[in-house]
Amino acid sequence: QQFLDKDPAVSLGMKEGVTYLTPTHHYETPPLKKLDD
């Protein structure tokens, strides 16, 4: 990527005052299961 935003918060569309969600567990899809095996 030749033109990356220097501020990751801006590039990810993040706003102040918002608690951002993150996954709480791993998702077992067929492609991921094959990669894991």
PDB file of all heavy atoms in Angstrom:
ATOM      1  N   GLN A   1       0.850  -1.183   0.000  1.00  0.00           N
ATOM      2  CA  GLN A   1       0.000   0.000   0.000  1.00  0.00           C
ATOM      3  C   GLN A   1       0.886   1.234   0.000  1.00  0.00           C
ATOM      4  O   GLN A   1       1.605   1.500   0.947  1.00  0.00           O
ATOM      5  CB  GLN A   1      -0.920  -0.002   1.225  1.00  0.00           C
ATOM      6  CG  GLN A   1      -1.844  -1.209   1.277  1.00  0.00           C
ATOM      7  CD  GLN A   1      -2.723  -1.301   0.054  1.00  0.00           C
ATOM      8  OE1 GLN A   1      -3.561  -0.436  -0.175  1.00  0.00           O
ATOM      9  NE2 GLN A   1      -2.554  -2.335  -0.747  1.00  0.00           N
ATOM     10  N   GLN A   2       0.837   2.005  -1.075  1.00  0.00           N
ATOM     11  CA  GLN A   2       1.758   3.109  -1.249  1.00  0.00           C
ATOM     12  C   GLN A   2       1.296   4.388  -0.572  1.00  0.00           C
ATOM     13  O   GLN A   2       2.088   5.275  -0.311  1.00  0.00           O
ATOM     14  CB  GLN A   2       1.962   3.366  -2.744  1.00  0.00           C
ATOM     15  CG  GLN A   2       2.552   2.169  -3.482  1.00  0.00           C
ATOM     16  CD  GLN A   2       2.652   2.407  -4.976  1.00  0.00           C
ATOM     17  OE1 GLN A   2       2.053   3.338  -5.493  1.00  0.00           O
ATOM     18  NE2 GLN A   2       3.418   1.575  -5.650  1.00  0.00           N
ATOM     19  N   PHE A   3       0.013   4.490  -0.322  1.00  0.00           N
ATOM     20  CA  PHE A   3      -0.492   5.730   0.238  1.00  0.00           C
ATOM     21  C   PHE A   3      -1.309   5.431   1.492  1.00  0.00           C
ATOM     22  O   PHE A   3      -2.527   5.505   1.476  1.00  0.00           O
ATOM     23  CB  PHE A   3      -1.357   6.468  -0.792  1.00  0.00           C
ATOM     24  CG  PHE A   3      -0.639   6.730  -2.073  1.00  0.00           C
ATOM     25  CD1 PHE A   3      -0.872   5.943  -3.184  1.00  0.00           C
ATOM     26  CD2 PHE A   3       0.290   7.744  -2.154  1.00  0.00           C
ATOM     27  CE1 PHE A   3      -0.201   6.177  -4.370  1.00  0.00           C
ATOM     28  CE2 PHE A   3       0.959   7.987  -3.345  1.00  0.00           C
ATOM     29  CZ  PHE A   3       0.712   7.206  -4.448  1.00  0.00           C
ATOM     30  N   LEU A   4      -0.626   5.089   2.557  1.00  0.00           N
ATOM     31  CA  LEU A   4      -1.309   4.778   3.807  1.00  0.00           C
ATOM     32  C   LEU A   4      -1.540   6.047   4.604  1.00  0.00           C
ATOM     33  O   LEU A   4      -0.688   6.924   4.662  1.00  0.00           O
ATOM     34  CB  LEU A   4      -0.477   3.800   4.643  1.00  0.00           C
ATOM     35  CG  LEU A   4      -0.337   2.393   4.062  1.00  0.00           C
ATOM     36  CD1 LEU A   4       0.542   1.553   4.986  1.00  0.00           C
ATOM     37  CD2 LEU A   4      -1.682   1.732   3.885  1.00  0.00           C
ATOM     38  N   ASP A   5      -2.680   6.163   5.226  1.00  0.00           N
ATOM     39  CA  ASP A   5      -2.966   7.299   6.087  1.00  0.00           C
ATOM     40  C   ASP A   5      -2.037   7.244   7.290  1.00  0.00           C
ATOM     41  O   ASP A   5      -1.890   6.213   7.935  1.00  0.00           O
ATOM     42  CB  ASP A   5      -4.434   7.236   6.548  1.00  0.00           C
ATOM     43  CG  ASP A   5      -4.909   8.554   7.112  1.00  0.00           C
ATOM     44  OD1 ASP A   5      -4.172   9.158   7.919  1.00  0.00           O
ATOM     45  OD2 ASP A   5      -6.020   8.966   6.747  1.00  0.00           O
ATOM     46  N   LYS A   6      -1.418   8.373   7.624  1.00  0.00           N
ATOM     47  CA  LYS A   6      -0.469   8.394   8.733  1.00  0.00           C
ATOM     48  C   LYS A   6      -1.160   8.242  10.072  1.00  0.00           C
ATOM     49  O   LYS A   6      -0.538   7.857  11.053  1.00  0.00           O
ATOM     50  CB  LYS A   6       0.328   9.706   8.709  1.00  0.00           C
ATOM     51  CG  LYS A   6       1.252   9.828   7.499  1.00  0.00           C
ATOM     52  CD  LYS A   6       2.053  11.111   7.559  1.00  0.00           C
ATOM     53  CE  LYS A   6       2.995  11.222   6.361  1.00  0.00           C
ATOM     54  NZ  LYS A   6       3.797  12.460   6.398  1.00  0.00           N
ATOM     55  N   ASP A   7      -2.435   8.557  10.134  1.00  0.00           N
ATOM     56  CA  ASP A   7      -3.190   8.437  11.378  1.00  0.00           C
ATOM     57  C   ASP A   7      -4.111   7.233  11.269  1.00  0.00           C
ATOM     58  O   ASP A   7      -5.130   7.292  10.589  1.00  0.00           O
ATOM     59  CB  ASP A   7      -4.016   9.704  11.626  1.00  0.00           C
ATOM     60  CG  ASP A   7      -4.734   9.668  12.970  1.00  0.00           C
ATOM     61  OD1 ASP A   7      -4.743   8.605  13.610  1.00  0.00           O
ATOM     62  OD2 ASP A   7      -5.276  10.700  13.380  1.00  0.00           O
ATOM     63  N   PRO A   8      -3.779   6.100  11.939  1.00  0.00           N
ATOM     64  CA  PRO A   8      -4.617   4.903  11.806  1.00  0.00           C
ATOM     65  C   PRO A   8      -6.034   5.120  12.288  1.00  0.00           C
ATOM     66  O   PRO A   8      -6.961   4.493  11.795  1.00  0.00           O
ATOM     67  CB  PRO A   8      -3.872   3.859  12.664  1.00  0.00           C
ATOM     68  CG  PRO A   8      -3.021   4.656  13.591  1.00  0.00           C
ATOM     69  CD  PRO A   8      -2.645   5.898  12.836  1.00  0.00           C
ATOM     70  N   ALA A   9      -6.226   6.005  13.257  1.00  0.00           N
ATOM     71  CA  ALA A   9      -7.579   6.266  13.749  1.00  0.00           C
ATOM     72  C   ALA A   9      -8.434   6.886  12.646  1.00  0.00           C
ATOM     73  O   ALA A   9      -9.609   6.568  12.498  1.00  0.00           O
ATOM     74  CB  ALA A   9      -7.536   7.196  14.969  1.00  0.00           C
ATOM     75  N   VAL A  10      -7.815   7.768  11.832  1.00  0.00           N
ATOM     76  CA  VAL A  10      -8.545   8.383  10.730  1.00  0.00           C
ATOM     77  C   VAL A  10      -8.839   7.352   9.651  1.00  0.00           C
ATOM     78  O   VAL A  10      -9.943   7.268   9.122  1.00  0.00           O
ATOM     79  CB  VAL A  10      -7.742   9.567  10.143  1.00  0.00           C
ATOM     80  CG1 VAL A  10      -8.425  10.090   8.881  1.00  0.00           C
ATOM     81  CG2 VAL A  10      -7.604  10.674  11.173  1.00  0.00           C
ATOM     82  N   SER A  11      -7.834   6.526   9.321  1.00  0.00           N
ATOM     83  CA  SER A  11      -8.023   5.548   8.259  1.00  0.00           C
ATOM     84  C   SER A  11      -9.059   4.502   8.619  1.00  0.00           C
ATOM     85  O   SER A  11      -9.668   3.900   7.756  1.00  0.00           O
ATOM     86  CB  SER A  11      -6.682   4.859   7.934  1.00  0.00           C
ATOM     87  OG  SER A  11      -6.256   4.058   9.021  1.00  0.00           O
ATOM     88  N   LEU A  12      -9.272   4.282   9.910  1.00  0.00           N
ATOM     89  CA  LEU A  12     -10.265   3.303  10.343  1.00  0.00           C
ATOM     90  C   LEU A  12     -11.605   3.953  10.667  1.00  0.00           C
ATOM     91  O   LEU A  12     -12.528   3.287  11.117  1.00  0.00           O
ATOM     92  CB  LEU A  12      -9.756   2.543  11.576  1.00  0.00           C
ATOM     93  CG  LEU A  12      -8.594   1.590  11.322  1.00  0.00           C
ATOM     94  CD1 LEU A  12      -8.073   1.025  12.632  1.00  0.00           C
ATOM     95  CD2 LEU A  12      -9.006   0.469  10.402  1.00  0.00           C
ATOM     96  N   GLY A  13     -11.732   5.246  10.442  1.00  0.00           N
ATOM     97  CA  GLY A  13     -12.996   5.920  10.680  1.00  0.00           C
ATOM     98  C   GLY A  13     -13.366   5.997  12.150  1.00  0.00           C
ATOM     99  O   GLY A  13     -14.541   6.021  12.493  1.00  0.00           O
ATOM    100  N   MET A  14     -12.387   6.027  13.028  1.00  0.00           N
ATOM    101  CA  MET A  14     -12.651   6.022  14.462  1.00  0.00           C
ATOM    102  C   MET A  14     -13.030   7.420  14.960  1.00  0.00           C
ATOM    103  O   MET A  14     -12.555   8.426  14.449  1.00  0.00           O
ATOM    104  CB  MET A  14     -11.430   5.492  15.218  1.00  0.00           C
ATOM    105  CG  MET A  14     -11.042   4.084  14.838  1.00  0.00           C
ATOM    106  SD  MET A  14      -9.560   3.462  15.684  1.00  0.00           S
ATOM    107  CE  MET A  14     -10.203   3.221  17.339  1.00  0.00           C
ATOM    108  N   LYS A  15     -13.892   7.451  15.955  1.00  0.00           N
ATOM    109  CA  LYS A  15     -14.336   8.702  16.551  1.00  0.00           C
ATOM    110  C   LYS A  15     -14.041   8.696  18.040  1.00  0.00           C
ATOM    111  O   LYS A  15     -14.036   7.642  18.680  1.00  0.00           O
ATOM    112  CB  LYS A  15     -15.843   8.900  16.332  1.00  0.00           C
ATOM    113  CG  LYS A  15     -16.251   9.076  14.880  1.00  0.00           C
ATOM    114  CD  LYS A  15     -17.755   9.325  14.779  1.00  0.00           C
ATOM    115  CE  LYS A  15     -18.183   9.543  13.344  1.00  0.00           C
ATOM    116  NZ  LYS A  15     -19.647   9.801  13.241  1.00  0.00           N
ATOM    117  N   GLU A  16     -13.818   9.870  18.579  1.00  0.00           N
ATOM    118  CA  GLU A  16     -13.578   9.984  20.012  1.00  0.00           C
ATOM    119  C   GLU A  16     -14.865   9.688  20.771  1.00  0.00           C
ATOM    120  O   GLU A  16     -15.960   9.991  20.319  1.00  0.00           O
ATOM    121  CB  GLU A  16     -13.074  11.388  20.354  1.00  0.00           C
ATOM    122  CG  GLU A  16     -11.691  11.714  19.808  1.00  0.00           C
ATOM    123  CD  GLU A  16     -11.206  13.073  20.285  1.00  0.00           C
ATOM    124  OE1 GLU A  16     -11.915  13.702  21.094  1.00  0.00           O
ATOM    125  OE2 GLU A  16     -10.135  13.507  19.826  1.00  0.00           O
ATOM    126  N   GLY A  17     -14.709   9.096  21.946  1.00  0.00           N
ATOM    127  CA  GLY A  17     -15.855   8.835  22.802  1.00  0.00           C
ATOM    128  C   GLY A  17     -16.611   7.565  22.491  1.00  0.00           C
ATOM    129  O   GLY A  17     -17.613   7.267  23.141  1.00  0.00           O
ATOM    130  N   VAL A  18     -16.146   6.800  21.501  1.00  0.00           N
ATOM    131  CA  VAL A  18     -16.811   5.539  21.140  1.00  0.00           C
ATOM    132  C   VAL A  18     -15.950   4.365  21.586  1.00  0.00           C
ATOM    133  O   VAL A  18     -14.758   4.318  21.299  1.00  0.00           O
ATOM    134  CB  VAL A  18     -17.053   5.437  19.619  1.00  0.00           C
ATOM    135  CG1 VAL A  18     -17.695   4.093  19.274  1.00  0.00           C
ATOM    136  CG2 VAL A  18     -17.929   6.588  19.136  1.00  0.00           C
ATOM    137  N   THR A  19     -16.542   3.441  22.330  1.00  0.00           N
ATOM    138  CA  THR A  19     -15.847   2.220  22.710  1.00  0.00           C
ATOM    139  C   THR A  19     -16.078   1.194  21.619  1.00  0.00           C
ATOM    140  O   THR A  19     -17.191   0.721  21.415  1.00  0.00           O
ATOM    141  CB  THR A  19     -16.378   1.677  24.055  1.00  0.00           C
ATOM    142  OG1 THR A  19     -16.183   2.668  25.071  1.00  0.00           O
ATOM    143  CG2 THR A  19     -15.639   0.404  24.445  1.00  0.00           C
ATOM    144  N   TYR A  20     -15.023   0.866  20.902  1.00  0.00           N
ATOM    145  CA  TYR A  20     -15.183   0.005  19.730  1.00  0.00           C
ATOM    146  C   TYR A  20     -15.235  -1.467  20.102  1.00  0.00           C
ATOM    147  O   TYR A  20     -14.492  -1.932  20.964  1.00  0.00           O
ATOM    148  CB  TYR A  20     -14.059   0.274  18.727  1.00  0.00           C
ATOM    149  CG  TYR A  20     -14.254   1.587  18.019  1.00  0.00           C
ATOM    150  CD1 TYR A  20     -13.724   2.759  18.531  1.00  0.00           C
ATOM    151  CD2 TYR A  20     -15.015   1.659  16.862  1.00  0.00           C
ATOM    152  CE1 TYR A  20     -13.941   3.973  17.893  1.00  0.00           C
ATOM    153  CE2 TYR A  20     -15.237   2.866  16.217  1.00  0.00           C
ATOM    154  CZ  TYR A  20     -14.695   4.022  16.736  1.00  0.00           C
ATOM    155  OH  TYR A  20     -14.926   5.212  16.111  1.00  0.00           O
ATOM    156  N   LEU A  21     -16.139  -2.172  19.427  1.00  0.00           N
ATOM    157  CA  LEU A  21     -16.328  -3.591  19.670  1.00  0.00           C
ATOM    158  C   LEU A  21     -15.194  -4.404  19.061  1.00  0.00           C
ATOM    159  O   LEU A  21     -14.603  -4.003  18.065  1.00  0.00           O
ATOM    160  CB  LEU A  21     -17.656  -4.052  19.068  1.00  0.00           C
ATOM    161  CG  LEU A  21     -18.926  -3.378  19.591  1.00  0.00           C
ATOM    162  CD1 LEU A  21     -20.133  -3.830  18.769  1.00  0.00           C
ATOM    163  CD2 LEU A  21     -19.133  -3.689  21.065  1.00  0.00           C
ATOM    164  N   THR A  22     -14.920  -5.539  19.657  1.00  0.00           N
ATOM    165  CA  THR A  22     -13.962  -6.492  19.107  1.00  0.00           C
ATOM    166  C   THR A  22     -14.554  -7.894  19.260  1.00  0.00           C
ATOM    167  O   THR A  22     -15.395  -8.128  20.142  1.00  0.00           O
ATOM    168  CB  THR A  22     -12.606  -6.438  19.841  1.00  0.00           C
ATOM    169  OG1 THR A  22     -12.813  -6.686  21.236  1.00  0.00           O
ATOM    170  CG2 THR A  22     -11.939  -5.086  19.658  1.00  0.00           C
ATOM    171  N   PRO A  23     -14.153  -8.827  18.419  1.00  0.00           N
ATOM    172  CA  PRO A  23     -14.685 -10.198  18.539  1.00  0.00           C
ATOM    173  C   PRO A  23     -14.371 -10.796  19.907  1.00  0.00           C
ATOM    174  O   PRO A  23     -13.302 -10.557  20.465  1.00  0.00           O
ATOM    175  CB  PRO A  23     -13.945 -10.949  17.423  1.00  0.00           C
ATOM    176  CG  PRO A  23     -13.528  -9.896  16.457  1.00  0.00           C
ATOM    177  CD  PRO A  23     -13.227  -8.684  17.278  1.00  0.00           C
ATOM    178  N   THR A  24     -15.301 -11.563  20.431  1.00  0.00           N
ATOM    179  CA  THR A  24     -15.118 -12.187  21.742  1.00  0.00           C
ATOM    180  C   THR A  24     -14.740 -13.654  21.634  1.00  0.00           C
ATOM    181  O   THR A  24     -14.443 -14.297  22.636  1.00  0.00           O
ATOM    182  CB  THR A  24     -16.402 -12.059  22.576  1.00  0.00           C
ATOM    183  OG1 THR A  24     -17.492 -12.671  21.858  1.00  0.00           O
ATOM    184  CG2 THR A  24     -16.737 -10.595  22.829  1.00  0.00           C
ATOM    185  N   HIS A  25     -14.761 -14.192  20.418  1.00  0.00           N
ATOM    186  CA  HIS A  25     -14.396 -15.588  20.214  1.00  0.00           C
ATOM    187  C   HIS A  25     -13.963 -15.780  18.767  1.00  0.00           C
ATOM    188  O   HIS A  25     -14.117 -14.876  17.941  1.00  0.00           O
ATOM    189  CB  HIS A  25     -15.574 -16.519  20.537  1.00  0.00           C
ATOM    190  CG  HIS A  25     -16.761 -16.305  19.650  1.00  0.00           C
ATOM    191  ND1 HIS A  25     -17.696 -15.306  19.871  1.00  0.00           N
ATOM    192  CD2 HIS A  25     -17.169 -16.948  18.521  1.00  0.00           C
ATOM    193  CE1 HIS A  25     -18.617 -15.348  18.932  1.00  0.00           C
ATOM    194  NE2 HIS A  25     -18.327 -16.331  18.094  1.00  0.00           N
ATOM    195  N   HIS A  26     -13.412 -16.938  18.477  1.00  0.00           N
ATOM    196  CA  HIS A  26     -12.987 -17.243  17.123  1.00  0.00           C
ATOM    197  C   HIS A  26     -14.140 -17.875  16.342  1.00  0.00           C
ATOM    198  O   HIS A  26     -14.912 -18.663  16.891  1.00  0.00           O
ATOM    199  CB  HIS A  26     -11.786 -18.194  17.133  1.00  0.00           C
ATOM    200  CG  HIS A  26     -10.569 -17.612  17.772  1.00  0.00           C
ATOM    201  ND1 HIS A  26     -10.057 -16.384  17.420  1.00  0.00           N
ATOM    202  CD2 HIS A  26      -9.752 -18.094  18.752  1.00  0.00           C
ATOM    203  CE1 HIS A  26      -8.982 -16.129  18.155  1.00  0.00           C
ATOM    204  NE2 HIS A  26      -8.788 -17.139  18.963  1.00  0.00           N
ATOM    205  N   TYR A  27     -14.247 -17.532  15.084  1.00  0.00           N
ATOM    206  CA  TYR A  27     -15.303 -18.047  14.220  1.00  0.00           C
ATOM    207  C   TYR A  27     -14.745 -19.203  13.391  1.00  0.00           C
ATOM    208  O   TYR A  27     -13.732 -19.055  12.712  1.00  0.00           O
ATOM    209  CB  TYR A  27     -15.831 -16.941  13.307  1.00  0.00           C
ATOM    210  CG  TYR A  27     -16.601 -15.870  14.038  1.00  0.00           C
ATOM    211  CD1 TYR A  27     -15.930 -14.848  14.700  1.00  0.00           C
ATOM    212  CD2 TYR A  27     -17.989 -15.891  14.089  1.00  0.00           C
ATOM    213  CE1 TYR A  27     -16.630 -13.860  15.391  1.00  0.00           C
ATOM    214  CE2 TYR A  27     -18.694 -14.909  14.771  1.00  0.00           C
ATOM    215  CZ  TYR A  27     -18.009 -13.895  15.416  1.00  0.00           C
ATOM    216  OH  TYR A  27     -18.706 -12.924  16.103  1.00  0.00           O
ATOM    217  N   GLU A  28     -15.417 -20.348  13.453  1.00  0.00           N
ATOM    218  CA  GLU A  28     -14.941 -21.562  12.776  1.00  0.00           C
ATOM    219  C   GLU A  28     -15.617 -21.714  11.418  1.00  0.00           C
ATOM    220  O   GLU A  28     -16.590 -22.440  11.269  1.00  0.00           O
ATOM    221  CB  GLU A  28     -15.217 -22.797  13.648  1.00  0.00           C
ATOM    222  CG  GLU A  28     -14.457 -22.806  14.960  1.00  0.00           C
ATOM    223  CD  GLU A  28     -12.953 -22.924  14.763  1.00  0.00           C
ATOM    224  OE1 GLU A  28     -12.523 -23.481  13.734  1.00  0.00           O
ATOM    225  OE2 GLU A  28     -12.206 -22.442  15.627  1.00  0.00           O
ATOM    226  N   THR A  29     -15.121 -20.988  10.424  1.00  0.00           N
ATOM    227  CA  THR A  29     -15.620 -21.149   9.065  1.00  0.00           C
ATOM    228  C   THR A  29     -14.786 -22.216   8.359  1.00  0.00           C
ATOM    229  O   THR A  29     -13.659 -22.499   8.784  1.00  0.00           O
ATOM    230  CB  THR A  29     -15.519 -19.828   8.292  1.00  0.00           C
ATOM    231  OG1 THR A  29     -14.135 -19.463   8.177  1.00  0.00           O
ATOM    232  CG2 THR A  29     -16.271 -18.716   9.011  1.00  0.00           C
ATOM    233  N   PRO A  30     -15.317 -22.834   7.294  1.00  0.00           N
ATOM    234  CA  PRO A  30     -14.541 -23.874   6.585  1.00  0.00           C
ATOM    235  C   PRO A  30     -13.152 -23.420   6.129  1.00  0.00           C
ATOM    236  O   PRO A  30     -12.181 -24.166   6.328  1.00  0.00           O
ATOM    237  CB  PRO A  30     -15.455 -24.233   5.405  1.00  0.00           C
ATOM    238  CG  PRO A  30     -16.837 -23.966   5.920  1.00  0.00           C
ATOM    239  CD  PRO A  30     -16.708 -22.745   6.780  1.00  0.00           C
ATOM    240  N   PRO A  31     -12.992 -22.216   5.525  1.00  0.00           N
ATOM    241  CA  PRO A  31     -11.637 -21.805   5.111  1.00  0.00           C
ATOM    242  C   PRO A  31     -10.682 -21.664   6.287  1.00  0.00           C
ATOM    243  O   PRO A  31      -9.513 -22.075   6.197  1.00  0.00           O
ATOM    244  CB  PRO A  31     -11.873 -20.455   4.421  1.00  0.00           C
ATOM    245  CG  PRO A  31     -13.295 -20.486   3.989  1.00  0.00           C
ATOM    246  CD  PRO A  31     -14.001 -21.255   5.063  1.00  0.00           C
ATOM    247  N   LEU A  32     -11.177 -21.108   7.386  1.00  0.00           N
ATOM    248  CA  LEU A  32     -10.316 -20.934   8.561  1.00  0.00           C
ATOM    249  C   LEU A  32      -9.990 -22.284   9.188  1.00  0.00           C
ATOM    250  O   LEU A  32      -8.861 -22.512   9.637  1.00  0.00           O
ATOM    251  CB  LEU A  32     -11.001 -20.014   9.567  1.00  0.00           C
ATOM    252  CG  LEU A  32     -10.151 -19.377  10.686  1.00  0.00           C
ATOM    253  CD1 LEU A  32      -9.850 -20.332  11.813  1.00  0.00           C
ATOM    254  CD2 LEU A  32      -8.850 -18.799  10.115  1.00  0.00           C
ATOM    255  N   LYS A  33     -10.956 -23.196   9.212  1.00  0.00           N
ATOM    256  CA  LYS A  33     -10.723 -24.529   9.773  1.00  0.00           C
ATOM    257  C   LYS A  33      -9.646 -25.258   8.967  1.00  0.00           C
ATOM    258  O   LYS A  33      -8.763 -25.920   9.541  1.00  0.00           O
ATOM    259  CB  LYS A  33     -12.027 -25.329   9.748  1.00  0.00           C
ATOM    260  CG  LYS A  33     -11.909 -26.743  10.334  1.00  0.00           C
ATOM    261  CD  LYS A  33     -11.549 -26.705  11.818  1.00  0.00           C
ATOM    262  CE  LYS A  33     -11.699 -28.063  12.482  1.00  0.00           C
ATOM    263  NZ  LYS A  33     -10.832 -29.102  11.901  1.00  0.00           N
ATOM    264  N   LYS A  34      -9.712 -25.138   7.644  1.00  0.00           N
ATOM    265  CA  LYS A  34      -8.710 -25.794   6.800  1.00  0.00           C
ATOM    266  C   LYS A  34      -7.334 -25.188   7.046  1.00  0.00           C
ATOM    267  O   LYS A  34      -6.331 -25.905   7.146  1.00  0.00           O
ATOM    268  CB  LYS A  34      -9.093 -25.651   5.331  1.00  0.00           C
ATOM    269  CG  LYS A  34      -8.151 -26.380   4.385  1.00  0.00           C
ATOM    270  CD  LYS A  34      -8.650 -26.334   2.953  1.00  0.00           C
ATOM    271  CE  LYS A  34      -7.713 -27.098   2.017  1.00  0.00           C
ATOM    272  NZ  LYS A  34      -8.215 -27.078   0.618  1.00  0.00           N
ATOM    273  N   LEU A  35      -7.283 -23.862   7.165  1.00  0.00           N
ATOM    274  CA  LEU A  35      -6.009 -23.193   7.447  1.00  0.00           C
ATOM    275  C   LEU A  35      -5.463 -23.629   8.795  1.00  0.00           C
ATOM    276  O   LEU A  35      -4.265 -23.893   8.938  1.00  0.00           O
ATOM    277  CB  LEU A  35      -6.200 -21.675   7.418  1.00  0.00           C
ATOM    278  CG  LEU A  35      -4.937 -20.844   7.673  1.00  0.00           C
ATOM    279  CD1 LEU A  35      -3.973 -20.991   6.501  1.00  0.00           C
ATOM    280  CD2 LEU A  35      -5.293 -19.377   7.890  1.00  0.00           C
ATOM    281  N   ASP A  36      -6.335 -23.735   9.780  1.00  0.00           N
ATOM    282  CA  ASP A  36      -5.910 -24.140  11.127  1.00  0.00           C
ATOM    283  C   ASP A  36      -5.366 -25.564  11.123  1.00  0.00           C
ATOM    284  O   ASP A  36      -4.360 -25.850  11.776  1.00  0.00           O
ATOM    285  CB  ASP A  36      -7.094 -24.028  12.094  1.00  0.00           C
ATOM    286  CG  ASP A  36      -6.706 -24.378  13.515  1.00  0.00           C
ATOM    287  OD1 ASP A  36      -5.936 -23.616  14.130  1.00  0.00           O
ATOM    288  OD2 ASP A  36      -7.152 -25.431  14.014  1.00  0.00           O
ATOM    289  N   ASP A  37      -6.026 -26.468  10.389  1.00  0.00           N
ATOM    290  CA  ASP A  37      -5.552 -27.854  10.318  1.00  0.00           C
ATOM    291  C   ASP A  37      -4.147 -27.927   9.714  1.00  0.00           C
ATOM    292  O   ASP A  37      -3.278 -28.662  10.207  1.00  0.00           O
ATOM    293  CB  ASP A  37      -6.522 -28.703   9.484  1.00  0.00           C
ATOM    294  CG  ASP A  37      -7.841 -28.941  10.182  1.00  0.00           C
ATOM    295  OD1 ASP A  37      -7.902 -28.755  11.415  1.00  0.00           O
ATOM    296  OD2 ASP A  37      -8.818 -29.313   9.500  1.00  0.00           O
TER     297      ASP A  37
END
